[in-house]
Amino acid sequence: MQIGIGLPNQVRDVTASTIPRWAARAEEAEFSTLATTGRYAYPGVSDTVALAAAAGATTTIGLLSAVLLAPTWPGALLAKEIAGIDGVSGGRLTLGVGVGSREDEFTVPGHGLDGRGARLESDLATYREVWSGEPVGGGPNPAVPSGTRQVPVLFGGYSTAALNRMVRWGEGYIGGSLPPTVTAPSFEAAKRAWREAGRRGAPKLVVLAYFALGDAEAGRANIQDFYRLAPEHIAANAVLCTTREAIERSIAQYTDLGVDEIIFVPATDDVDEVARLADIVS
C-alpha cells in the first residue's frame, strides 16, 4: 500500500505560508502523494491554491484533491485551473471530486446546491473538451496550452450516482475518513460497479484518515470544529490517529481491504507532523 499525506489547507486559520514548506518536507520524506481537503465556507486555503503551491515546491510527489467540490465551480474555469496546476507539476495531479452537501459552500450565482449532480455530469464532459484543446467561449482559442493531458479523475461520495460517474469518467474511488467497517462496503460497491460496467482491471482505491501526533487535543478540537455542521454519522465517526499504534492499525486494516493508498490528513498545521508521521511509516 502507498502512504500519502495531506496538506493542512483546511486546518482552521492555517498559516498559509506553511503549505509549500510542508509539501517540500513531504517529498523529502518520500510520501507517495500530497492531498488537499476542500471547502469554501471555512477559514482555510482553497484546493487549487494549495495544490499550485505544492506543485511549485516539489518535483516528484503526486498531487491529489481529496476531494474538491466540483459543482461549486463553473466547469470550464475549473478545467483551466486544474490543467494549469497539472502543467506546473509536470503531470503529477489527480483530480478528486465530490458533489458536496452544504448550501454555504455554493456561492457562485447559478451554481447552487440544487442541480449539482446534473451540473457535475455536464462539467465532466466540459473538462475533457477543455483539456483536449477545443475552442472555448465561442471564439477561436482553446483555454489551455497544446499538449495538455487528460487529468485522471477519482470520485468520492456514497451514492449510486457517484459510482456511476466513477465507472464512466474516472480511474477510481476515494473513501472518507471513517472507520473501515463503514468504508469497506463503499469500496466493495466501487469494485462491483467497475466490474459490472466492463471496465478493465480494477479501480484505484484511496482512503483518508486524520492524524495528530504532536498535539492530539488540538487535532481533536480542529476535527470537531471542521465537522460541527456535518451529518452526525460523519461528525461522530471521523477517524483521528494520535499514536503509532493507531497509524499502524489503520494501514493494516486497509491493506487487508485491498486499498491501494491511504492518505493521512493532518489535523493541525504543525509542520513537524510530517517528520512524526514519516518516522512511523518509513
C-alpha atoms as a PDB file:
ATOM      1  CA  MET A   1       0.000   0.000   0.000  1.00  0.00           C
ATOM      2  CA  GLN A   2       1.166   3.518  -0.767  1.00  0.00           C
ATOM      3  CA  ILE A   3       1.237   6.074   2.066  1.00  0.00           C
ATOM      4  CA  GLY A   4       0.372   9.681   1.295  1.00  0.00           C
ATOM      5  CA  ILE A   5      -0.033  12.761   3.445  1.00  0.00           C
ATOM      6  CA  GLY A   6      -2.486  15.623   3.324  1.00  0.00           C
ATOM      7  CA  LEU A   7      -1.712  19.302   3.187  1.00  0.00           C
ATOM      8  CA  PRO A   8      -3.044  21.346   6.132  1.00  0.00           C
ATOM      9  CA  ASN A   9      -5.008  23.682   3.846  1.00  0.00           C
ATOM     10  CA  GLN A  10      -8.279  23.186   5.739  1.00  0.00           C
ATOM     11  CA  VAL A  11      -6.958  23.429   9.279  1.00  0.00           C
ATOM     12  CA  ARG A  12      -8.825  26.384  10.789  1.00  0.00           C
ATOM     13  CA  ASP A  13      -6.806  29.616  10.414  1.00  0.00           C
ATOM     14  CA  VAL A  14      -3.906  27.731   8.842  1.00  0.00           C
ATOM     15  CA  THR A  15      -0.725  29.740   8.360  1.00  0.00           C
ATOM     16  CA  ALA A  16      -0.785  29.663   4.566  1.00  0.00           C
ATOM     17  CA  SER A  17       2.987  30.019   4.168  1.00  0.00           C
ATOM     18  CA  THR A  18       3.308  26.609   5.842  1.00  0.00           C
ATOM     19  CA  ILE A  19       1.885  24.862   2.789  1.00  0.00           C
ATOM     20  CA  PRO A  20       4.907  24.952   0.426  1.00  0.00           C
ATOM     21  CA  ARG A  21       7.279  24.089   3.286  1.00  0.00           C
ATOM     22  CA  TRP A  22       5.030  21.190   4.270  1.00  0.00           C
ATOM     23  CA  ALA A  23       4.968  19.990   0.657  1.00  0.00           C
ATOM     24  CA  ALA A  24       8.757  20.073   0.323  1.00  0.00           C
ATOM     25  CA  ARG A  25       9.222  18.121   3.556  1.00  0.00           C
ATOM     26  CA  ALA A  26       6.650  15.526   2.488  1.00  0.00           C
ATOM     27  CA  GLU A  27       8.524  14.948  -0.753  1.00  0.00           C
ATOM     28  CA  GLU A  28      11.841  14.633   1.112  1.00  0.00           C
ATOM     29  CA  ALA A  29      10.182  12.044   3.379  1.00  0.00           C
ATOM     30  CA  GLU A  30       9.123  10.085   0.258  1.00  0.00           C
ATOM     31  CA  PHE A  31       5.377  10.075   0.799  1.00  0.00           C
ATOM     32  CA  SER A  32       3.516   8.949  -2.313  1.00  0.00           C
ATOM     33  CA  THR A  33       1.039  11.817  -2.550  1.00  0.00           C
ATOM     34  CA  LEU A  34       0.135  15.248  -1.206  1.00  0.00           C
ATOM     35  CA  ALA A  35      -3.618  15.759  -0.890  1.00  0.00           C
ATOM     36  CA  THR A  36      -5.950  18.646  -0.167  1.00  0.00           C
ATOM     37  CA  THR A  37      -9.298  18.735   1.584  1.00  0.00           C
ATOM     38  CA  GLY A  38     -11.800  21.088   0.009  1.00  0.00           C
ATOM     39  CA  ARG A  39     -14.300  23.569   1.409  1.00  0.00           C
ATOM     40  CA  TYR A  40     -15.162  27.178   0.645  1.00  0.00           C
ATOM     41  CA  ALA A  41     -17.082  28.245   3.759  1.00  0.00           C
ATOM     42  CA  TYR A  42     -14.239  27.648   6.189  1.00  0.00           C
ATOM     43  CA  PRO A  43     -11.150  29.758   7.067  1.00  0.00           C
ATOM     44  CA  GLY A  44      -8.553  27.773   5.146  1.00  0.00           C
ATOM     45  CA  VAL A  45      -6.790  27.830   1.762  1.00  0.00           C
ATOM     46  CA  SER A  46      -8.592  26.592  -1.346  1.00  0.00           C
ATOM     47  CA  ASP A  47      -7.626  23.318  -3.002  1.00  0.00           C
ATOM     48  CA  THR A  48      -6.384  24.941  -6.184  1.00  0.00           C
ATOM     49  CA  VAL A  49      -4.143  27.435  -4.386  1.00  0.00           C
ATOM     50  CA  ALA A  50      -2.701  24.785  -2.072  1.00  0.00           C
ATOM     51  CA  LEU A  51      -2.098  22.364  -4.937  1.00  0.00           C
ATOM     52  CA  ALA A  52      -0.445  25.061  -7.041  1.00  0.00           C
ATOM     53  CA  ALA A  53       1.836  25.973  -4.126  1.00  0.00           C
ATOM     54  CA  ALA A  54       2.710  22.307  -3.641  1.00  0.00           C
ATOM     55  CA  ALA A  55       3.348  21.845  -7.369  1.00  0.00           C
ATOM     56  CA  GLY A  56       5.848  24.675  -7.339  1.00  0.00           C
ATOM     57  CA  ALA A  57       7.600  23.449  -4.190  1.00  0.00           C
ATOM     58  CA  THR A  58       8.096  19.826  -5.323  1.00  0.00           C
ATOM     59  CA  THR A  59       9.218  17.821  -8.332  1.00  0.00           C
ATOM     60  CA  THR A  60       8.198  14.173  -7.913  1.00  0.00           C
ATOM     61  CA  ILE A  61       5.438  13.621  -5.347  1.00  0.00           C
ATOM     62  CA  GLY A  62       1.882  13.009  -6.569  1.00  0.00           C
ATOM     63  CA  LEU A  63      -0.827  15.636  -6.024  1.00  0.00           C
ATOM     64  CA  LEU A  64      -4.494  14.948  -5.291  1.00  0.00           C
ATOM     65  CA  SER A  65      -7.612  16.913  -4.392  1.00  0.00           C
ATOM     66  CA  ALA A  66      -9.435  14.721  -1.869  1.00  0.00           C
ATOM     67  CA  VAL A  67     -11.987  15.922  -2.569  1.00  0.00           C
ATOM     68  CA  LEU A  68     -12.713  19.152  -4.399  1.00  0.00           C
ATOM     69  CA  LEU A  69     -16.378  20.193  -4.503  1.00  0.00           C
ATOM     70  CA  ALA A  70     -16.528  20.467  -8.268  1.00  0.00           C
ATOM     71  CA  PRO A  71     -20.118  21.707  -8.754  1.00  0.00           C
ATOM     72  CA  THR A  72     -19.319  24.860  -6.756  1.00  0.00           C
ATOM     73  CA  TRP A  73     -17.169  25.948  -9.736  1.00  0.00           C
ATOM     74  CA  PRO A  74     -18.077  26.885 -13.318  1.00  0.00           C
ATOM     75  CA  GLY A  75     -16.887  23.814 -15.190  1.00  0.00           C
ATOM     76  CA  ALA A  76     -14.736  25.488 -17.842  1.00  0.00           C
ATOM     77  CA  LEU A  77     -12.984  27.669 -15.268  1.00  0.00           C
ATOM     78  CA  LEU A  78     -12.141  24.719 -13.034  1.00  0.00           C
ATOM     79  CA  ALA A  79     -10.894  22.746 -16.039  1.00  0.00           C
ATOM     80  CA  LYS A  80      -8.421  25.526 -16.854  1.00  0.00           C
ATOM     81  CA  GLU A  81      -7.281  25.809 -13.221  1.00  0.00           C
ATOM     82  CA  ILE A  82      -6.695  22.069 -12.956  1.00  0.00           C
ATOM     83  CA  ALA A  83      -4.869  21.912 -16.294  1.00  0.00           C
ATOM     84  CA  GLY A  84      -2.598  24.729 -15.167  1.00  0.00           C
ATOM     85  CA  ILE A  85      -1.727  23.073 -11.867  1.00  0.00           C
ATOM     86  CA  ASP A  86      -1.106  19.762 -13.615  1.00  0.00           C
ATOM     87  CA  GLY A  87       1.141  21.505 -16.131  1.00  0.00           C
ATOM     88  CA  VAL A  88       3.146  23.301 -13.435  1.00  0.00           C
ATOM     89  CA  SER A  89       3.622  19.972 -11.644  1.00  0.00           C
ATOM     90  CA  GLY A  90       4.793  18.180 -14.777  1.00  0.00           C
ATOM     91  CA  GLY A  91       1.740  15.928 -14.902  1.00  0.00           C
ATOM     92  CA  ARG A  92       1.531  14.818 -11.263  1.00  0.00           C
ATOM     93  CA  LEU A  93      -2.046  15.869 -10.444  1.00  0.00           C
ATOM     94  CA  THR A  94      -5.106  13.680  -9.947  1.00  0.00           C
ATOM     95  CA  LEU A  95      -8.446  15.447  -9.625  1.00  0.00           C
ATOM     96  CA  GLY A  96     -10.584  14.005  -6.832  1.00  0.00           C
ATOM     97  CA  VAL A  97     -14.138  15.343  -6.913  1.00  0.00           C
ATOM     98  CA  GLY A  98     -17.365  15.168  -4.931  1.00  0.00           C
ATOM     99  CA  VAL A  99     -20.703  16.946  -5.230  1.00  0.00           C
ATOM    100  CA  GLY A 100     -20.904  18.488  -1.740  1.00  0.00           C
ATOM    101  CA  SER A 101     -23.947  18.717   0.503  1.00  0.00           C
ATOM    102  CA  ARG A 102     -23.838  22.066   2.343  1.00  0.00           C
ATOM    103  CA  GLU A 103     -25.547  25.111   0.938  1.00  0.00           C
ATOM    104  CA  ASP A 104     -22.961  27.570   2.286  1.00  0.00           C
ATOM    105  CA  GLU A 105     -20.296  26.073   0.008  1.00  0.00           C
ATOM    106  CA  PHE A 106     -22.227  27.042  -3.137  1.00  0.00           C
ATOM    107  CA  THR A 107     -21.595  30.775  -3.508  1.00  0.00           C
ATOM    108  CA  VAL A 108     -21.332  31.295  -7.284  1.00  0.00           C
ATOM    109  CA  PRO A 109     -24.601  32.610  -8.803  1.00  0.00           C
ATOM    110  CA  GLY A 110     -26.219  29.900 -10.891  1.00  0.00           C
ATOM    111  CA  HIS A 111     -24.199  27.196  -9.170  1.00  0.00           C
ATOM    112  CA  GLY A 112     -26.302  26.475  -6.093  1.00  0.00           C
ATOM    113  CA  LEU A 113     -26.894  23.278  -4.183  1.00  0.00           C
ATOM    114  CA  ASP A 114     -29.887  22.269  -6.310  1.00  0.00           C
ATOM    115  CA  GLY A 115     -28.949  20.526  -9.512  1.00  0.00           C
ATOM    116  CA  ARG A 116     -25.346  19.956  -8.508  1.00  0.00           C
ATOM    117  CA  GLY A 117     -25.317  16.328  -9.645  1.00  0.00           C
ATOM    118  CA  ALA A 118     -26.591  17.182 -13.118  1.00  0.00           C
ATOM    119  CA  ARG A 119     -24.080  20.027 -13.355  1.00  0.00           C
ATOM    120  CA  LEU A 120     -21.228  17.713 -12.495  1.00  0.00           C
ATOM    121  CA  GLU A 121     -22.331  15.322 -15.234  1.00  0.00           C
ATOM    122  CA  SER A 122     -22.143  18.161 -17.742  1.00  0.00           C
ATOM    123  CA  ASP A 123     -18.922  19.542 -16.283  1.00  0.00           C
ATOM    124  CA  LEU A 124     -17.120  16.219 -16.630  1.00  0.00           C
ATOM    125  CA  ALA A 125     -17.667  16.410 -20.377  1.00  0.00           C
ATOM    126  CA  THR A 126     -16.531  20.050 -20.304  1.00  0.00           C
ATOM    127  CA  TYR A 127     -13.282  19.082 -18.576  1.00  0.00           C
ATOM    128  CA  ARG A 128     -12.490  16.605 -21.330  1.00  0.00           C
ATOM    129  CA  GLU A 129     -13.272  19.156 -24.035  1.00  0.00           C
ATOM    130  CA  VAL A 130     -11.153  21.876 -22.442  1.00  0.00           C
ATOM    131  CA  TRP A 131      -8.214  19.523 -21.827  1.00  0.00           C
ATOM    132  CA  SER A 132      -8.471  18.332 -25.440  1.00  0.00           C
ATOM    133  CA  GLY A 133      -7.831  21.881 -26.617  1.00  0.00           C
ATOM    134  CA  GLU A 134     -11.230  22.588 -28.102  1.00  0.00           C
ATOM    135  CA  PRO A 135     -12.083  26.296 -28.586  1.00  0.00           C
ATOM    136  CA  VAL A 136     -13.948  27.911 -25.688  1.00  0.00           C
ATOM    137  CA  GLY A 137     -16.354  30.805 -25.283  1.00  0.00           C
ATOM    138  CA  GLY A 138     -17.494  30.776 -28.883  1.00  0.00           C
ATOM    139  CA  GLY A 139     -14.134  32.075 -30.099  1.00  0.00           C
ATOM    140  CA  PRO A 140     -11.203  30.505 -31.923  1.00  0.00           C
ATOM    141  CA  ASN A 141      -8.937  29.891 -28.932  1.00  0.00           C
ATOM    142  CA  PRO A 142      -8.573  26.952 -26.561  1.00  0.00           C
ATOM    143  CA  ALA A 143      -8.264  27.638 -22.832  1.00  0.00           C
ATOM    144  CA  VAL A 144      -5.150  25.546 -22.298  1.00  0.00           C
ATOM    145  CA  PRO A 145      -1.724  25.113 -23.928  1.00  0.00           C
ATOM    146  CA  SER A 146      -1.250  22.457 -26.579  1.00  0.00           C
ATOM    147  CA  GLY A 147      -0.056  19.202 -25.090  1.00  0.00           C
ATOM    148  CA  THR A 148      -2.341  19.478 -22.043  1.00  0.00           C
ATOM    149  CA  ARG A 149      -3.233  15.993 -20.902  1.00  0.00           C
ATOM    150  CA  GLN A 150      -6.473  14.451 -19.706  1.00  0.00           C
ATOM    151  CA  VAL A 151      -6.075  14.709 -15.931  1.00  0.00           C
ATOM    152  CA  PRO A 152      -7.103  11.473 -14.184  1.00  0.00           C
ATOM    153  CA  VAL A 153     -10.220  11.768 -12.017  1.00  0.00           C
ATOM    154  CA  LEU A 154     -11.216   9.974  -8.810  1.00  0.00           C
ATOM    155  CA  PHE A 155     -14.649  10.221  -7.194  1.00  0.00           C
ATOM    156  CA  GLY A 156     -15.790  10.469  -3.598  1.00  0.00           C
ATOM    157  CA  GLY A 157     -19.310  10.024  -2.275  1.00  0.00           C
ATOM    158  CA  TYR A 158     -21.654   7.326  -1.086  1.00  0.00           C
ATOM    159  CA  SER A 159     -24.431   7.385  -3.681  1.00  0.00           C
ATOM    160  CA  THR A 160     -25.068   5.141  -6.654  1.00  0.00           C
ATOM    161  CA  ALA A 161     -24.728   8.223  -8.845  1.00  0.00           C
ATOM    162  CA  ALA A 162     -21.173   8.776  -7.586  1.00  0.00           C
ATOM    163  CA  LEU A 163     -20.214   5.219  -8.506  1.00  0.00           C
ATOM    164  CA  ASN A 164     -21.852   5.559 -11.912  1.00  0.00           C
ATOM    165  CA  ARG A 165     -19.771   8.664 -12.577  1.00  0.00           C
ATOM    166  CA  MET A 166     -16.670   6.827 -11.441  1.00  0.00           C
ATOM    167  CA  VAL A 167     -17.073   3.994 -13.928  1.00  0.00           C
ATOM    168  CA  ARG A 168     -17.922   6.332 -16.821  1.00  0.00           C
ATOM    169  CA  TRP A 169     -15.407   9.109 -16.208  1.00  0.00           C
ATOM    170  CA  GLY A 170     -12.934   8.094 -13.554  1.00  0.00           C
ATOM    171  CA  GLU A 171      -9.995   5.956 -12.545  1.00  0.00           C
ATOM    172  CA  GLY A 172     -11.105   5.108  -9.029  1.00  0.00           C
ATOM    173  CA  TYR A 173     -12.766   5.924  -5.731  1.00  0.00           C
ATOM    174  CA  ILE A 174     -11.862   7.918  -2.593  1.00  0.00           C
ATOM    175  CA  GLY A 175     -13.265   6.788   0.746  1.00  0.00           C
ATOM    176  CA  GLY A 176     -13.794   9.229   3.581  1.00  0.00           C
ATOM    177  CA  SER A 177     -12.062   9.354   6.964  1.00  0.00           C
ATOM    178  CA  LEU A 178     -14.435   6.892   8.614  1.00  0.00           C
ATOM    179  CA  PRO A 179     -13.804   3.519  10.297  1.00  0.00           C
ATOM    180  CA  PRO A 180     -13.038   0.562   7.996  1.00  0.00           C
ATOM    181  CA  THR A 181     -16.333  -1.073   8.939  1.00  0.00           C
ATOM    182  CA  VAL A 182     -18.091   1.961   7.446  1.00  0.00           C
ATOM    183  CA  THR A 183     -15.939   2.430   4.340  1.00  0.00           C
ATOM    184  CA  ALA A 184     -15.491  -1.242   3.415  1.00  0.00           C
ATOM    185  CA  PRO A 185     -18.968  -1.552   1.828  1.00  0.00           C
ATOM    186  CA  SER A 186     -18.259   1.529  -0.306  1.00  0.00           C
ATOM    187  CA  PHE A 187     -15.021   0.046  -1.606  1.00  0.00           C
ATOM    188  CA  GLU A 188     -16.789  -3.211  -2.396  1.00  0.00           C
ATOM    189  CA  ALA A 189     -19.536  -1.296  -4.194  1.00  0.00           C
ATOM    190  CA  ALA A 190     -16.925   0.603  -6.214  1.00  0.00           C
ATOM    191  CA  LYS A 191     -15.227  -2.618  -7.298  1.00  0.00           C
ATOM    192  CA  ARG A 192     -18.568  -4.223  -8.141  1.00  0.00           C
ATOM    193  CA  ALA A 193     -19.701  -1.221 -10.197  1.00  0.00           C
ATOM    194  CA  TRP A 194     -16.380  -1.294 -12.062  1.00  0.00           C
ATOM    195  CA  ARG A 195     -16.787  -4.962 -12.968  1.00  0.00           C
ATOM    196  CA  GLU A 196     -20.415  -4.597 -13.962  1.00  0.00           C
ATOM    197  CA  ALA A 197     -19.529  -1.703 -16.249  1.00  0.00           C
ATOM    198  CA  GLY A 198     -16.997  -3.871 -18.043  1.00  0.00           C
ATOM    199  CA  ARG A 199     -14.009  -1.712 -17.122  1.00  0.00           C
ATOM    200  CA  ARG A 200     -10.661  -3.459 -17.361  1.00  0.00           C
ATOM    201  CA  GLY A 201      -8.515  -4.052 -14.303  1.00  0.00           C
ATOM    202  CA  ALA A 202      -9.706  -2.552 -11.041  1.00  0.00           C
ATOM    203  CA  PRO A 203     -10.470   0.952  -9.777  1.00  0.00           C
ATOM    204  CA  LYS A 204      -7.802   2.724  -7.764  1.00  0.00           C
ATOM    205  CA  LEU A 205      -8.972   2.803  -4.144  1.00  0.00           C
ATOM    206  CA  VAL A 206      -7.836   5.619  -1.861  1.00  0.00           C
ATOM    207  CA  VAL A 207      -8.850   6.206   1.761  1.00  0.00           C
ATOM    208  CA  LEU A 208      -8.399   9.172   4.094  1.00  0.00           C
ATOM    209  CA  ALA A 209      -7.591   9.168   7.826  1.00  0.00           C
ATOM    210  CA  TYR A 210      -6.857  12.167  10.032  1.00  0.00           C
ATOM    211  CA  PHE A 211      -3.803  12.237  12.266  1.00  0.00           C
ATOM    212  CA  ALA A 212      -2.409  14.391  15.090  1.00  0.00           C
ATOM    213  CA  LEU A 213       0.769  13.032  16.635  1.00  0.00           C
ATOM    214  CA  GLY A 214       2.168  16.164  18.304  1.00  0.00           C
ATOM    215  CA  ASP A 215      -0.863  17.764  19.959  1.00  0.00           C
ATOM    216  CA  ALA A 216      -3.679  15.248  19.972  1.00  0.00           C
ATOM    217  CA  GLU A 217      -6.109  17.511  21.816  1.00  0.00           C
ATOM    218  CA  ALA A 218      -5.618  20.381  19.356  1.00  0.00           C
ATOM    219  CA  GLY A 219      -6.111  17.949  16.496  1.00  0.00           C
ATOM    220  CA  ARG A 220      -9.284  16.547  18.014  1.00  0.00           C
ATOM    221  CA  ALA A 221     -10.656  20.055  18.593  1.00  0.00           C
ATOM    222  CA  ASN A 222      -9.886  21.023  14.997  1.00  0.00           C
ATOM    223  CA  ILE A 223     -11.666  17.966  13.607  1.00  0.00           C
ATOM    224  CA  GLN A 224     -14.704  18.608  15.780  1.00  0.00           C
ATOM    225  CA  ASP A 225     -14.759  22.207  14.604  1.00  0.00           C
ATOM    226  CA  PHE A 226     -14.417  21.234  10.942  1.00  0.00           C
ATOM    227  CA  TYR A 227     -17.301  18.773  11.155  1.00  0.00           C
ATOM    228  CA  ARG A 228     -19.563  20.575  13.594  1.00  0.00           C
ATOM    229  CA  LEU A 229     -22.234  21.179  10.922  1.00  0.00           C
ATOM    230  CA  ALA A 230     -21.714  17.890   9.107  1.00  0.00           C
ATOM    231  CA  PRO A 231     -24.189  14.973   9.212  1.00  0.00           C
ATOM    232  CA  GLU A 232     -23.999  13.227  12.562  1.00  0.00           C
ATOM    233  CA  HIS A 233     -22.842   9.871  11.134  1.00  0.00           C
ATOM    234  CA  ILE A 234     -19.786  11.616   9.682  1.00  0.00           C
ATOM    235  CA  ALA A 235     -19.054  14.043  12.506  1.00  0.00           C
ATOM    236  CA  ALA A 236     -19.229  11.352  15.178  1.00  0.00           C
ATOM    237  CA  ASN A 237     -17.130   8.778  13.322  1.00  0.00           C
ATOM    238  CA  ALA A 238     -14.251  10.682  11.721  1.00  0.00           C
ATOM    239  CA  VAL A 239     -11.074   8.654  12.257  1.00  0.00           C
ATOM    240  CA  LEU A 240      -8.270  10.502  14.068  1.00  0.00           C
ATOM    241  CA  CYS A 241      -4.989   8.644  14.622  1.00  0.00           C
ATOM    242  CA  THR A 242      -2.986  10.043  17.543  1.00  0.00           C
ATOM    243  CA  THR A 243      -0.491   7.231  18.225  1.00  0.00           C
ATOM    244  CA  ARG A 244       1.936   4.983  16.362  1.00  0.00           C
ATOM    245  CA  GLU A 245      -0.353   2.059  17.096  1.00  0.00           C
ATOM    246  CA  ALA A 246      -3.365   3.791  15.546  1.00  0.00           C
ATOM    247  CA  ILE A 247      -1.403   4.671  12.398  1.00  0.00           C
ATOM    248  CA  GLU A 248      -0.117   1.118  12.031  1.00  0.00           C
ATOM    249  CA  ARG A 249      -3.563  -0.341  12.709  1.00  0.00           C
ATOM    250  CA  SER A 250      -5.154   1.820  10.016  1.00  0.00           C
ATOM    251  CA  ILE A 251      -2.525   0.777   7.488  1.00  0.00           C
ATOM    252  CA  ALA A 252      -3.013  -2.903   8.337  1.00  0.00           C
ATOM    253  CA  GLN A 253      -6.807  -2.717   8.193  1.00  0.00           C
ATOM    254  CA  TYR A 254      -6.888  -1.000   4.832  1.00  0.00           C
ATOM    255  CA  THR A 255      -4.202  -3.257   3.412  1.00  0.00           C
ATOM    256  CA  ASP A 256      -6.476  -6.166   4.290  1.00  0.00           C
ATOM    257  CA  LEU A 257      -9.324  -4.437   2.447  1.00  0.00           C
ATOM    258  CA  GLY A 258      -7.235  -4.139  -0.716  1.00  0.00           C
ATOM    259  CA  VAL A 259      -6.996  -0.346  -0.653  1.00  0.00           C
ATOM    260  CA  ASP A 260      -4.195   0.991  -2.851  1.00  0.00           C
ATOM    261  CA  GLU A 261      -3.305   4.146  -0.933  1.00  0.00           C
ATOM    262  CA  ILE A 262      -4.024   5.702   2.438  1.00  0.00           C
ATOM    263  CA  ILE A 263      -3.711   9.468   2.846  1.00  0.00           C
ATOM    264  CA  PHE A 264      -3.076  10.649   6.405  1.00  0.00           C
ATOM    265  CA  VAL A 265      -4.682  14.091   6.609  1.00  0.00           C
ATOM    266  CA  PRO A 266      -3.217  16.497   9.191  1.00  0.00           C
ATOM    267  CA  ALA A 267      -5.471  17.822  11.930  1.00  0.00           C
ATOM    268  CA  THR A 268      -3.014  20.615  12.776  1.00  0.00           C
ATOM    269  CA  ASP A 269      -0.644  22.757  10.700  1.00  0.00           C
ATOM    270  CA  ASP A 270       2.440  21.926  12.771  1.00  0.00           C
ATOM    271  CA  VAL A 271       4.976  21.183  10.018  1.00  0.00           C
ATOM    272  CA  ASP A 272       6.851  18.799  12.333  1.00  0.00           C
ATOM    273  CA  GLU A 273       3.908  16.437  11.903  1.00  0.00           C
ATOM    274  CA  VAL A 274       5.425  15.438   8.546  1.00  0.00           C
ATOM    275  CA  ALA A 275       8.518  14.024  10.258  1.00  0.00           C
ATOM    276  CA  ARG A 276       6.492  12.423  13.047  1.00  0.00           C
ATOM    277  CA  LEU A 277       4.369  10.525  10.535  1.00  0.00           C
ATOM    278  CA  ALA A 278       7.366   9.621   8.384  1.00  0.00           C
ATOM    279  CA  ASP A 279       9.140   8.118  11.404  1.00  0.00           C
ATOM    280  CA  ILE A 280       6.226   5.711  11.793  1.00  0.00           C
ATOM    281  CA  VAL A 281       5.543   4.718   8.193  1.00  0.00           C
ATOM    282  CA  SER A 282       9.049   4.749   6.683  1.00  0.00           C
END
